[in-house]
Amino acid sequence: MSAQTYNPERLMQVILAPQVSEKATYIAEKHNHVIFRVAQDATKSEIKAAVELMWKAQNVEVKNVRTANIKGKEKRFGRFMGRRSNWKKAYVSIKAGQEINFSETAQGEVK
């Protein structure tokens, strides 16, 4: 396989937010995975490149990426039915002994 090069501007828009929940914390501790909300049209290779780009200062290496499309729930607003948006979740497995520190990225180290 040849190494693809991606547009850094596109990669910065792929990862939307980390998914914080009890299940995400359990998976992070047990399997060394991190869960992210990602763009609907993001591919696994783009997600891998985006994670490695955003945490380049910490030398994070991604082992593999699994994705899941989550369907939005139907919700009632008074007498009207509404629907939440569909979204995509990515399970990013990082190599053993590494971890992602979100506080360093929030300080604007990525350019």
N, C-alpha and C. Protein backbone atom coordinates (compact mmCIF):
# COMPACT_ATOMS: atom_id res chain seq x y z
N MET A 1 0.83 -1.18 0.00
CA MET A 1 0.00 0.00 0.00
C MET A 1 0.87 1.24 0.00
N SER A 2 0.49 2.20 -0.79
CA SER A 2 1.24 3.45 -0.83
C SER A 2 0.67 4.42 0.20
N ALA A 3 1.55 5.21 0.75
CA ALA A 3 1.13 6.19 1.76
C ALA A 3 0.44 7.36 1.08
N GLN A 4 -0.79 7.65 1.49
CA GLN A 4 -1.53 8.76 0.92
C GLN A 4 -1.21 10.03 1.68
N THR A 5 -1.25 11.13 0.96
CA THR A 5 -1.11 12.43 1.62
C THR A 5 -2.47 13.11 1.59
N TYR A 6 -2.83 13.67 2.71
CA TYR A 6 -4.12 14.34 2.85
C TYR A 6 -3.90 15.82 3.08
N ASN A 7 -4.91 16.59 2.72
CA ASN A 7 -4.89 18.02 2.96
C ASN A 7 -5.02 18.26 4.47
N PRO A 8 -4.05 18.97 5.09
CA PRO A 8 -4.12 19.20 6.55
C PRO A 8 -5.38 19.95 6.98
N GLU A 9 -5.90 20.83 6.13
CA GLU A 9 -7.12 21.55 6.48
C GLU A 9 -8.30 20.59 6.57
N ARG A 10 -8.35 19.62 5.68
CA ARG A 10 -9.41 18.61 5.72
C ARG A 10 -9.28 17.74 6.96
N LEU A 11 -8.05 17.36 7.29
CA LEU A 11 -7.83 16.50 8.45
C LEU A 11 -8.24 17.18 9.75
N MET A 12 -8.08 18.50 9.83
CA MET A 12 -8.47 19.21 11.04
C MET A 12 -10.00 19.29 11.19
N GLN A 13 -10.75 19.01 10.11
CA GLN A 13 -12.21 19.05 10.18
C GLN A 13 -12.81 17.65 10.33
N VAL A 14 -11.98 16.62 10.27
CA VAL A 14 -12.49 15.25 10.35
C VAL A 14 -12.95 14.92 11.76
N ILE A 15 -12.12 15.20 12.77
CA ILE A 15 -12.47 14.88 14.15
C ILE A 15 -13.27 16.04 14.73
N LEU A 16 -14.50 15.75 15.15
CA LEU A 16 -15.37 16.80 15.68
C LEU A 16 -15.22 16.96 17.19
N ALA A 17 -15.21 15.84 17.94
CA ALA A 17 -15.12 15.92 19.40
C ALA A 17 -14.85 14.54 19.96
N PRO A 18 -14.23 14.48 21.14
CA PRO A 18 -14.13 13.18 21.81
C PRO A 18 -15.48 12.80 22.39
N GLN A 19 -15.78 11.52 22.38
CA GLN A 19 -17.04 11.02 22.95
C GLN A 19 -16.77 10.65 24.41
N VAL A 20 -17.40 11.36 25.33
CA VAL A 20 -17.18 11.13 26.76
C VAL A 20 -18.43 10.49 27.34
N SER A 21 -18.29 9.26 27.80
CA SER A 21 -19.39 8.54 28.43
C SER A 21 -18.80 7.44 29.30
N GLU A 22 -19.65 6.75 30.04
CA GLU A 22 -19.16 5.65 30.88
C GLU A 22 -18.58 4.54 30.01
N LYS A 23 -19.26 4.23 28.91
CA LYS A 23 -18.79 3.18 28.01
C LYS A 23 -17.45 3.58 27.39
N ALA A 24 -17.30 4.83 26.98
CA ALA A 24 -16.05 5.28 26.37
C ALA A 24 -14.90 5.22 27.37
N THR A 25 -15.15 5.56 28.62
CA THR A 25 -14.12 5.49 29.65
C THR A 25 -13.72 4.05 29.93
N TYR A 26 -14.69 3.16 29.98
CA TYR A 26 -14.42 1.74 30.21
C TYR A 26 -13.57 1.16 29.07
N ILE A 27 -13.94 1.48 27.84
CA ILE A 27 -13.19 0.98 26.68
C ILE A 27 -11.79 1.55 26.65
N ALA A 28 -11.64 2.81 27.02
CA ALA A 28 -10.32 3.44 27.03
C ALA A 28 -9.39 2.76 28.04
N GLU A 29 -9.91 2.44 29.21
CA GLU A 29 -9.09 1.80 30.24
C GLU A 29 -8.76 0.35 29.90
N LYS A 30 -9.74 -0.37 29.38
CA LYS A 30 -9.56 -1.80 29.15
C LYS A 30 -8.82 -2.12 27.85
N HIS A 31 -9.13 -1.41 26.77
CA HIS A 31 -8.60 -1.77 25.45
C HIS A 31 -7.67 -0.73 24.84
N ASN A 32 -7.39 0.35 25.53
CA ASN A 32 -6.52 1.42 25.02
C ASN A 32 -7.07 2.02 23.72
N HIS A 33 -8.39 2.26 23.71
CA HIS A 33 -9.05 2.91 22.59
C HIS A 33 -9.51 4.29 23.02
N VAL A 34 -9.67 5.18 22.03
CA VAL A 34 -10.25 6.49 22.27
C VAL A 34 -11.40 6.63 21.28
N ILE A 35 -12.52 7.16 21.74
CA ILE A 35 -13.71 7.27 20.89
C ILE A 35 -13.93 8.73 20.53
N PHE A 36 -14.14 8.97 19.22
CA PHE A 36 -14.36 10.32 18.71
C PHE A 36 -15.64 10.38 17.90
N ARG A 37 -16.28 11.56 17.91
CA ARG A 37 -17.30 11.89 16.92
C ARG A 37 -16.54 12.40 15.71
N VAL A 38 -16.87 11.87 14.53
CA VAL A 38 -16.15 12.26 13.31
C VAL A 38 -17.15 12.70 12.25
N ALA A 39 -16.64 13.32 11.19
CA ALA A 39 -17.48 13.76 10.09
C ALA A 39 -18.12 12.55 9.42
N GLN A 40 -19.34 12.71 8.92
CA GLN A 40 -20.08 11.62 8.29
C GLN A 40 -19.33 11.00 7.11
N ASP A 41 -18.61 11.82 6.34
CA ASP A 41 -17.94 11.32 5.14
C ASP A 41 -16.48 10.95 5.37
N ALA A 42 -16.04 10.89 6.62
CA ALA A 42 -14.65 10.57 6.93
C ALA A 42 -14.38 9.08 6.71
N THR A 43 -13.21 8.78 6.15
CA THR A 43 -12.79 7.40 5.97
C THR A 43 -11.87 7.00 7.11
N LYS A 44 -11.63 5.69 7.24
CA LYS A 44 -10.77 5.21 8.32
C LYS A 44 -9.36 5.73 8.17
N SER A 45 -8.85 5.78 6.95
CA SER A 45 -7.48 6.28 6.75
C SER A 45 -7.38 7.77 7.05
N GLU A 46 -8.43 8.54 6.75
CA GLU A 46 -8.44 9.96 7.09
C GLU A 46 -8.46 10.15 8.60
N ILE A 47 -9.24 9.34 9.30
CA ILE A 47 -9.33 9.45 10.76
C ILE A 47 -7.97 9.14 11.38
N LYS A 48 -7.31 8.09 10.89
CA LYS A 48 -5.98 7.73 11.39
C LYS A 48 -4.99 8.87 11.17
N ALA A 49 -4.98 9.45 9.97
CA ALA A 49 -4.07 10.55 9.67
C ALA A 49 -4.38 11.78 10.51
N ALA A 50 -5.67 12.04 10.76
CA ALA A 50 -6.07 13.21 11.56
C ALA A 50 -5.62 13.07 13.01
N VAL A 51 -5.77 11.89 13.59
CA VAL A 51 -5.36 11.67 14.98
C VAL A 51 -3.84 11.82 15.09
N GLU A 52 -3.11 11.23 14.16
CA GLU A 52 -1.64 11.33 14.21
C GLU A 52 -1.17 12.75 13.98
N LEU A 53 -1.90 13.53 13.17
CA LEU A 53 -1.53 14.94 12.93
C LEU A 53 -1.81 15.79 14.17
N MET A 54 -2.99 15.60 14.79
CA MET A 54 -3.37 16.44 15.93
C MET A 54 -2.49 16.19 17.15
N TRP A 55 -2.04 14.96 17.34
CA TRP A 55 -1.21 14.63 18.49
C TRP A 55 0.20 14.24 18.05
N LYS A 56 0.72 14.98 17.06
CA LYS A 56 2.07 14.74 16.56
C LYS A 56 3.11 15.04 17.63
N ALA A 57 2.87 16.03 18.47
CA ALA A 57 3.81 16.41 19.52
C ALA A 57 3.96 15.31 20.57
N GLN A 58 2.92 14.49 20.75
CA GLN A 58 2.96 13.41 21.73
C GLN A 58 3.41 12.09 21.10
N ASN A 59 3.72 12.10 19.80
CA ASN A 59 4.15 10.91 19.06
C ASN A 59 3.14 9.76 19.18
N VAL A 60 1.88 10.08 18.98
CA VAL A 60 0.82 9.07 19.04
C VAL A 60 0.79 8.30 17.73
N GLU A 61 0.80 6.96 17.82
CA GLU A 61 0.70 6.10 16.65
C GLU A 61 -0.60 5.32 16.75
N VAL A 62 -1.37 5.34 15.68
CA VAL A 62 -2.65 4.65 15.64
C VAL A 62 -2.45 3.24 15.11
N LYS A 63 -2.99 2.28 15.86
CA LYS A 63 -2.89 0.88 15.44
C LYS A 63 -3.98 0.55 14.42
N ASN A 64 -5.22 0.83 14.75
CA ASN A 64 -6.31 0.65 13.79
C ASN A 64 -7.50 1.53 14.17
N VAL A 65 -8.46 1.61 13.24
CA VAL A 65 -9.65 2.44 13.43
C VAL A 65 -10.87 1.62 13.05
N ARG A 66 -11.88 1.66 13.91
CA ARG A 66 -13.18 1.06 13.60
C ARG A 66 -14.22 2.16 13.66
N THR A 67 -15.19 2.11 12.77
CA THR A 67 -16.21 3.15 12.73
C THR A 67 -17.60 2.54 12.87
N ALA A 68 -18.53 3.37 13.33
CA ALA A 68 -19.93 2.97 13.44
C ALA A 68 -20.80 4.18 13.11
N ASN A 69 -21.82 3.95 12.29
CA ASN A 69 -22.79 5.00 11.98
C ASN A 69 -23.93 4.88 12.99
N ILE A 70 -24.20 5.95 13.71
CA ILE A 70 -25.23 5.97 14.74
C ILE A 70 -26.45 6.70 14.19
N LYS A 71 -27.59 6.04 14.25
CA LYS A 71 -28.83 6.66 13.77
C LYS A 71 -29.39 7.58 14.84
N GLY A 72 -29.90 8.73 14.42
CA GLY A 72 -30.49 9.69 15.34
C GLY A 72 -31.79 9.19 15.92
N LYS A 73 -32.04 9.53 17.16
CA LYS A 73 -33.26 9.08 17.83
C LYS A 73 -34.43 10.00 17.48
N GLU A 74 -35.62 9.41 17.50
CA GLU A 74 -36.83 10.22 17.37
C GLU A 74 -37.20 10.78 18.73
N LYS A 75 -37.49 12.05 18.79
CA LYS A 75 -37.83 12.72 20.05
C LYS A 75 -39.13 13.51 19.87
N ARG A 76 -39.87 13.61 20.95
CA ARG A 76 -41.11 14.38 20.93
C ARG A 76 -40.85 15.76 21.53
N PHE A 77 -41.28 16.80 20.81
CA PHE A 77 -41.21 18.17 21.29
C PHE A 77 -42.64 18.68 21.41
N GLY A 78 -43.22 18.52 22.61
CA GLY A 78 -44.62 18.88 22.78
C GLY A 78 -45.49 17.91 21.99
N ARG A 79 -46.25 18.42 21.04
CA ARG A 79 -47.09 17.54 20.23
C ARG A 79 -46.43 17.19 18.90
N PHE A 80 -45.23 17.66 18.66
CA PHE A 80 -44.54 17.42 17.39
C PHE A 80 -43.45 16.37 17.58
N MET A 81 -43.27 15.54 16.58
CA MET A 81 -42.19 14.57 16.58
C MET A 81 -41.01 15.16 15.82
N GLY A 82 -39.84 14.98 16.37
CA GLY A 82 -38.63 15.45 15.73
C GLY A 82 -37.62 14.32 15.66
N ARG A 83 -36.51 14.57 15.02
CA ARG A 83 -35.48 13.54 14.89
C ARG A 83 -34.11 14.20 15.05
N ARG A 84 -33.28 13.58 15.88
CA ARG A 84 -31.90 14.05 16.02
C ARG A 84 -31.11 13.62 14.80
N SER A 85 -30.00 14.28 14.56
CA SER A 85 -29.17 13.99 13.39
C SER A 85 -28.43 12.67 13.55
N ASN A 86 -28.19 12.00 12.42
CA ASN A 86 -27.32 10.83 12.41
C ASN A 86 -25.89 11.31 12.57
N TRP A 87 -25.02 10.45 13.14
CA TRP A 87 -23.63 10.82 13.31
C TRP A 87 -22.75 9.59 13.22
N LYS A 88 -21.45 9.82 13.13
CA LYS A 88 -20.50 8.73 12.97
C LYS A 88 -19.54 8.72 14.15
N LYS A 89 -19.26 7.53 14.66
CA LYS A 89 -18.38 7.33 15.80
C LYS A 89 -17.16 6.55 15.33
N ALA A 90 -15.98 6.91 15.82
CA ALA A 90 -14.75 6.20 15.47
C ALA A 90 -14.08 5.69 16.74
N TYR A 91 -13.78 4.39 16.76
CA TYR A 91 -13.01 3.78 17.83
C TYR A 91 -11.56 3.73 17.35
N VAL A 92 -10.70 4.54 17.94
CA VAL A 92 -9.30 4.63 17.52
C VAL A 92 -8.45 3.87 18.53
N SER A 93 -7.76 2.85 18.04
CA SER A 93 -6.88 2.04 18.88
C SER A 93 -5.46 2.59 18.76
N ILE A 94 -4.87 2.96 19.90
CA ILE A 94 -3.51 3.48 19.86
C ILE A 94 -2.55 2.43 20.41
N LYS A 95 -1.30 2.56 20.06
CA LYS A 95 -0.31 1.55 20.44
C LYS A 95 -0.14 1.51 21.95
N ALA A 96 0.29 0.35 22.46
CA ALA A 96 0.44 0.13 23.89
C ALA A 96 1.45 1.11 24.49
N GLY A 97 1.15 1.60 25.67
CA GLY A 97 2.04 2.51 26.36
C GLY A 97 1.84 3.97 25.99
N GLN A 98 0.96 4.27 25.04
CA GLN A 98 0.72 5.65 24.63
C GLN A 98 -0.65 6.09 25.12
N GLU A 99 -0.80 7.40 25.28
CA GLU A 99 -2.11 7.95 25.62
C GLU A 99 -2.24 9.32 24.99
N ILE A 100 -3.48 9.73 24.81
CA ILE A 100 -3.77 11.02 24.22
C ILE A 100 -4.13 11.99 25.33
N ASN A 101 -3.43 13.12 25.38
CA ASN A 101 -3.69 14.15 26.37
C ASN A 101 -4.45 15.28 25.67
N PHE A 102 -5.73 15.46 26.01
CA PHE A 102 -6.56 16.44 25.34
C PHE A 102 -6.23 17.87 25.75
N SER A 103 -5.66 18.07 26.92
CA SER A 103 -5.39 19.43 27.40
C SER A 103 -4.29 20.11 26.59
N GLU A 104 -3.31 19.36 26.10
CA GLU A 104 -2.25 19.99 25.30
C GLU A 104 -2.75 20.45 23.96
N THR A 105 -3.67 19.72 23.35
CA THR A 105 -4.23 20.12 22.06
C THR A 105 -5.09 21.35 22.21
N ALA A 106 -5.78 21.48 23.33
CA ALA A 106 -6.68 22.62 23.54
C ALA A 106 -5.91 23.93 23.69
N GLN A 107 -4.62 23.86 24.00
CA GLN A 107 -3.84 25.08 24.17
C GLN A 107 -3.35 25.64 22.86
N GLY A 108 -3.65 24.99 21.75
CA GLY A 108 -3.32 25.55 20.43
C GLY A 108 -1.94 25.18 19.93
N GLU A 109 -1.43 24.01 20.28
CA GLU A 109 -0.12 23.61 19.80
C GLU A 109 -0.15 23.15 18.35
N VAL A 110 -1.29 22.72 17.84
CA VAL A 110 -1.40 22.22 16.47
C VAL A 110 -1.52 23.39 15.54
N LYS A 111 -0.72 23.41 14.49
CA LYS A 111 -0.77 24.50 13.51
C LYS A 111 -1.01 23.95 12.14
